[in-house]
Protein backbone atom coordinates (compact mmCIF):
# COMPACT_ATOMS: atom_id res chain seq x y z
CA UNK A 1 -52.62 24.63 47.54
CA UNK A 2 -55.97 22.99 47.25
CA UNK A 3 -58.63 25.43 46.09
CA UNK A 4 -61.18 26.14 49.09
CA UNK A 5 -64.73 26.15 48.26
CA UNK A 6 -66.81 29.44 49.11
CA UNK A 7 -70.17 30.51 49.75
CA UNK A 8 -72.66 29.88 52.49
CA UNK A 9 -73.21 26.41 54.46
CA UNK A 10 -76.26 25.00 52.96
CA UNK A 11 -78.66 24.23 55.88
CA UNK A 12 -79.17 20.33 55.30
CA UNK A 13 -78.53 19.21 58.83
CA UNK A 14 -75.97 19.27 61.73
CA UNK A 15 -73.48 16.31 60.07
CA UNK A 16 -72.96 18.46 56.91
CA UNK A 17 -72.34 21.29 58.66
CA UNK A 18 -70.08 19.97 61.14
CA UNK A 19 -68.11 18.40 58.18
CA UNK A 20 -68.03 21.54 56.12
CA UNK A 21 -66.31 23.25 59.10
CA UNK A 22 -63.67 20.53 59.40
CA UNK A 23 -62.97 20.61 55.56
CA UNK A 24 -62.58 24.37 55.91
CA UNK A 25 -60.34 24.24 59.15
CA UNK A 26 -58.02 21.86 57.93
CA UNK A 27 -57.54 23.63 54.70
CA UNK A 28 -57.00 27.11 56.61
CA UNK A 29 -54.46 25.04 58.75
CA UNK A 30 -52.29 23.95 55.74
CA UNK A 31 -52.27 27.42 54.47
CA UNK A 32 -51.65 28.99 57.73
CA UNK A 33 -50.58 27.14 60.25
CA UNK A 34 -52.43 25.82 63.25
CA UNK A 35 -51.74 28.52 65.61
CA UNK A 36 -52.44 31.25 63.12
CA UNK A 37 -56.20 30.04 62.52
CA UNK A 38 -58.92 31.75 64.65
CA UNK A 39 -62.39 30.93 64.76
CA UNK A 40 -63.58 33.99 63.18
CA UNK A 41 -61.39 32.59 60.15
CA UNK A 42 -63.39 29.32 60.37
CA UNK A 43 -66.60 31.03 60.26
CA UNK A 44 -65.66 33.42 57.34
CA UNK A 45 -64.36 30.63 55.19
CA UNK A 46 -67.58 28.84 55.82
CA UNK A 47 -69.71 31.68 55.24
CA UNK A 48 -71.40 31.46 58.78
CA UNK A 49 -70.91 32.87 62.26
CA UNK A 50 -68.58 32.21 65.10
CA UNK A 51 -71.53 31.05 67.22
CA UNK A 52 -72.37 28.24 64.66
CA UNK A 53 -68.74 26.82 64.76
CA UNK A 54 -68.90 26.92 68.91
CA UNK A 55 -72.27 25.20 68.24
CA UNK A 56 -70.21 22.34 66.84
CA UNK A 57 -66.92 22.45 68.84
CA UNK A 58 -67.01 24.12 72.05
CA UNK A 59 -63.38 25.83 71.91
CA UNK A 60 -60.82 26.40 69.39
CA UNK A 61 -58.53 23.26 70.20
CA UNK A 62 -61.42 20.93 69.90
CA UNK A 63 -62.14 22.11 66.38
CA UNK A 64 -58.47 22.30 65.24
CA UNK A 65 -57.87 18.77 66.74
CA UNK A 66 -60.83 17.50 65.09
CA UNK A 67 -59.70 18.90 61.75
CA UNK A 68 -56.57 17.46 61.83
CA UNK A 69 -58.02 14.04 62.37
CA UNK A 70 -60.61 14.33 59.72
CA UNK A 71 -57.71 15.31 57.35
CA UNK A 72 -55.89 12.36 58.06
CA UNK A 73 -58.94 10.09 57.95
CA UNK A 74 -60.02 11.52 54.62
CA UNK A 75 -56.42 10.42 53.39
CA UNK A 76 -56.28 7.24 54.48
CA UNK A 77 -59.56 6.53 52.84
CA UNK A 78 -58.89 7.79 49.59
CA UNK A 79 -55.65 5.56 49.71
CA UNK A 80 -57.40 2.42 50.50
CA UNK A 81 -59.90 2.73 47.73
CA UNK A 82 -57.23 3.50 45.08
CA UNK A 83 -54.97 0.77 46.43
CA UNK A 84 -57.48 -1.77 46.65
CA UNK A 85 -57.96 -1.45 42.69
CA UNK A 86 -54.43 -3.24 42.33
CA UNK A 87 -53.88 -6.92 42.64
CA UNK A 88 -50.26 -7.19 41.92
CA UNK A 89 -48.47 -6.35 44.94
CA UNK A 90 -45.39 -4.67 43.66
CA UNK A 91 -47.58 -2.36 41.66
CA UNK A 92 -49.55 -1.90 44.51
CA UNK A 93 -46.59 -0.66 46.92
CA UNK A 94 -45.32 1.39 43.84
CA UNK A 95 -48.91 2.80 43.78
CA UNK A 96 -48.48 3.32 47.64
CA UNK A 97 -45.28 5.40 47.14
CA UNK A 98 -46.78 7.60 44.52
CA UNK A 99 -49.97 8.51 47.04
CA UNK A 100 -47.33 9.68 49.58
CA UNK A 101 -45.45 12.18 47.32
CA UNK A 102 -45.87 15.71 48.26
CA UNK A 103 -46.64 17.45 44.84
CA UNK A 104 -48.76 20.38 44.72
CA UNK A 105 -52.15 20.44 45.81
CA UNK A 106 -54.32 18.29 48.10
CA UNK A 107 -51.44 15.76 49.33
CA UNK A 108 -48.70 18.48 49.89
CA UNK A 109 -51.65 20.03 51.97
CA UNK A 110 -52.15 16.95 53.86
CA UNK A 111 -48.39 16.49 54.61
CA UNK A 112 -48.56 20.11 56.18
CA UNK A 113 -50.86 19.13 58.12
CA UNK A 114 -49.46 15.75 59.41
CA UNK A 115 -46.21 17.69 59.86
CA UNK A 116 -48.08 20.06 62.05
CA UNK A 117 -49.78 16.95 63.86
CA UNK A 118 -46.32 15.69 64.85
CA UNK A 119 -45.32 18.93 65.97
CA UNK A 120 -48.43 18.87 67.95
CA UNK A 121 -48.32 15.50 69.41
CA UNK A 122 -44.85 16.30 70.64
CA UNK A 123 -46.17 19.12 72.89
CA UNK A 124 -49.60 17.48 73.66
CA UNK A 125 -49.88 14.32 75.09
CA UNK A 126 -53.62 14.32 74.43
CA UNK A 127 -53.14 13.87 70.78
CA UNK A 128 -50.98 11.15 70.81
CA UNK A 129 -53.15 8.30 70.99
CA UNK A 130 -54.85 9.27 67.61
CA UNK A 131 -51.44 10.33 66.06
CA UNK A 132 -50.39 6.56 67.00
CA UNK A 133 -53.41 5.12 65.76
CA UNK A 134 -52.89 6.46 62.32
CA UNK A 135 -49.27 5.66 62.52
CA UNK A 136 -50.25 2.35 63.18
CA UNK A 137 -52.75 2.22 60.35
CA UNK A 138 -49.79 3.70 58.12
CA UNK A 139 -47.30 0.94 58.93
CA UNK A 140 -50.14 -1.68 58.78
CA UNK A 141 -50.94 -0.71 54.86
CA UNK A 142 -46.96 -1.60 54.09
CA UNK A 143 -46.98 -4.71 56.19
CA UNK A 144 -50.00 -5.86 54.51
CA UNK A 145 -48.75 -5.20 50.92
CA UNK A 146 -45.47 -6.94 51.92
CA UNK A 147 -46.87 -9.71 53.13
CA UNK A 148 -49.48 -9.67 49.83
CA UNK A 149 -46.45 -9.97 47.74
CA UNK A 150 -45.03 -12.65 49.60
CA UNK A 151 -48.02 -14.94 49.30
CA UNK A 152 -47.98 -14.01 45.63
CA UNK A 153 -44.44 -14.87 45.04
CA UNK A 154 -43.24 -11.50 43.80
CA UNK A 155 -41.57 -10.47 47.25
CA UNK A 156 -38.92 -12.39 49.15
CA UNK A 157 -39.95 -14.37 51.79
CA UNK A 158 -37.10 -14.08 54.18
CA UNK A 159 -37.74 -10.46 55.21
CA UNK A 160 -39.82 -9.59 57.78
CA UNK A 161 -42.78 -7.12 56.91
CA UNK A 162 -42.62 -5.59 60.61
CA UNK A 163 -39.14 -4.34 59.51
CA UNK A 164 -40.39 -3.72 55.89
CA UNK A 165 -42.74 -1.29 57.39
CA UNK A 166 -40.86 0.39 59.88
CA UNK A 167 -37.90 1.46 57.23
CA UNK A 168 -40.20 2.44 54.60
CA UNK A 169 -42.38 4.79 56.60
CA UNK A 170 -39.49 6.14 58.04
CA UNK A 171 -37.82 7.06 55.16
CA UNK A 172 -40.76 8.42 53.54
CA UNK A 173 -41.47 10.60 56.38
CA UNK A 174 -37.57 11.93 56.19
CA UNK A 175 -37.62 12.36 52.63
CA UNK A 176 -41.11 14.17 52.46
CA UNK A 177 -39.91 16.27 55.32
CA UNK A 178 -37.18 17.26 53.42
CA UNK A 179 -38.82 18.00 50.45
CA UNK A 180 -41.45 20.28 52.50
CA UNK A 181 -38.50 22.62 53.87
CA UNK A 182 -36.44 22.64 50.63
CA UNK A 183 -33.59 20.48 51.69
CA UNK A 184 -31.20 21.20 48.94
CA UNK A 185 -31.03 18.18 46.50
CA UNK A 186 -34.31 16.56 47.77
CA UNK A 187 -36.96 16.91 45.23
CA UNK A 188 -40.03 14.83 44.80
CA UNK A 189 -38.59 12.93 41.98
CA UNK A 190 -35.52 12.03 44.25
CA UNK A 191 -37.73 11.17 46.73
CA UNK A 192 -39.86 9.00 44.69
CA UNK A 193 -36.68 7.23 43.64
CA UNK A 194 -35.35 6.48 47.09
CA UNK A 195 -38.53 4.95 48.08
CA UNK A 196 -38.93 2.76 44.95
CA UNK A 197 -35.01 1.87 45.11
CA UNK A 198 -35.87 0.83 48.81
CA UNK A 199 -38.54 -1.49 48.23
CA UNK A 200 -36.20 -3.14 45.18
CA UNK A 201 -33.61 -3.45 47.91
CA UNK A 202 -35.63 -5.25 50.68
CA UNK A 203 -38.13 -7.10 48.95
CA UNK A 204 -37.40 -8.07 45.53
CA UNK A 205 -35.39 -11.22 44.30
CA UNK A 206 -31.93 -10.15 43.82
CA UNK A 207 -31.99 -10.20 39.40
CA UNK A 208 -34.65 -7.61 39.62
CA UNK A 209 -33.13 -5.09 41.89
CA UNK A 210 -32.28 -2.94 39.04
CA UNK A 211 -35.49 -3.14 37.28
CA UNK A 212 -37.98 -0.75 39.41
CA UNK A 213 -35.99 2.48 38.98
CA UNK A 214 -35.93 2.07 35.18
CA UNK A 215 -39.58 0.96 34.91
CA UNK A 216 -40.99 3.26 37.30
CA UNK A 217 -38.33 6.05 37.77
CA UNK A 218 -39.50 9.41 37.16
CA UNK A 219 -43.01 9.13 36.03
């Protein structure tokens, strides 16, 4: 698990305090589950009062929903920065896969948040627009890398990037759920191998199909 910071919230403005509350809240959700987190827990983690939390977020549902969105947004921001540093589309797609692997630490905590967001959005229609917006961004990232590779000549041009994005994101999510729930035989390494093979199968020219697993297998 990611280690949460401790100590009092510095008196450096409402935006800083609000951001600190969101940071502590999403980490508490990742550790305990969304329905086990109380406003008192959030206040304690921030070293502040429940009144301060309520000042920024009128009710518990408000702070929890915003913390979920904050977590997903910061994951996308971090991912975008890392991907932009890689020019080659194939290498960029492999990097995207690595960024999605639910290893221990922050990424695994973010996966815990994402799974809980799915469950909440299934039951609470008001969360679905934000959920679907993030899912569109997730699929669009794959779609754009696929198109980049087609322009660069490293990916096949006879495949539809929309279909590639749909399949790869579905496989990623399904494999991650199995990793997080301890399904027998599904490990982080197995998940990576499946995703790398999927990219090779759908996007690489036939003669290169065998190379990604060898070159990028269990790194």
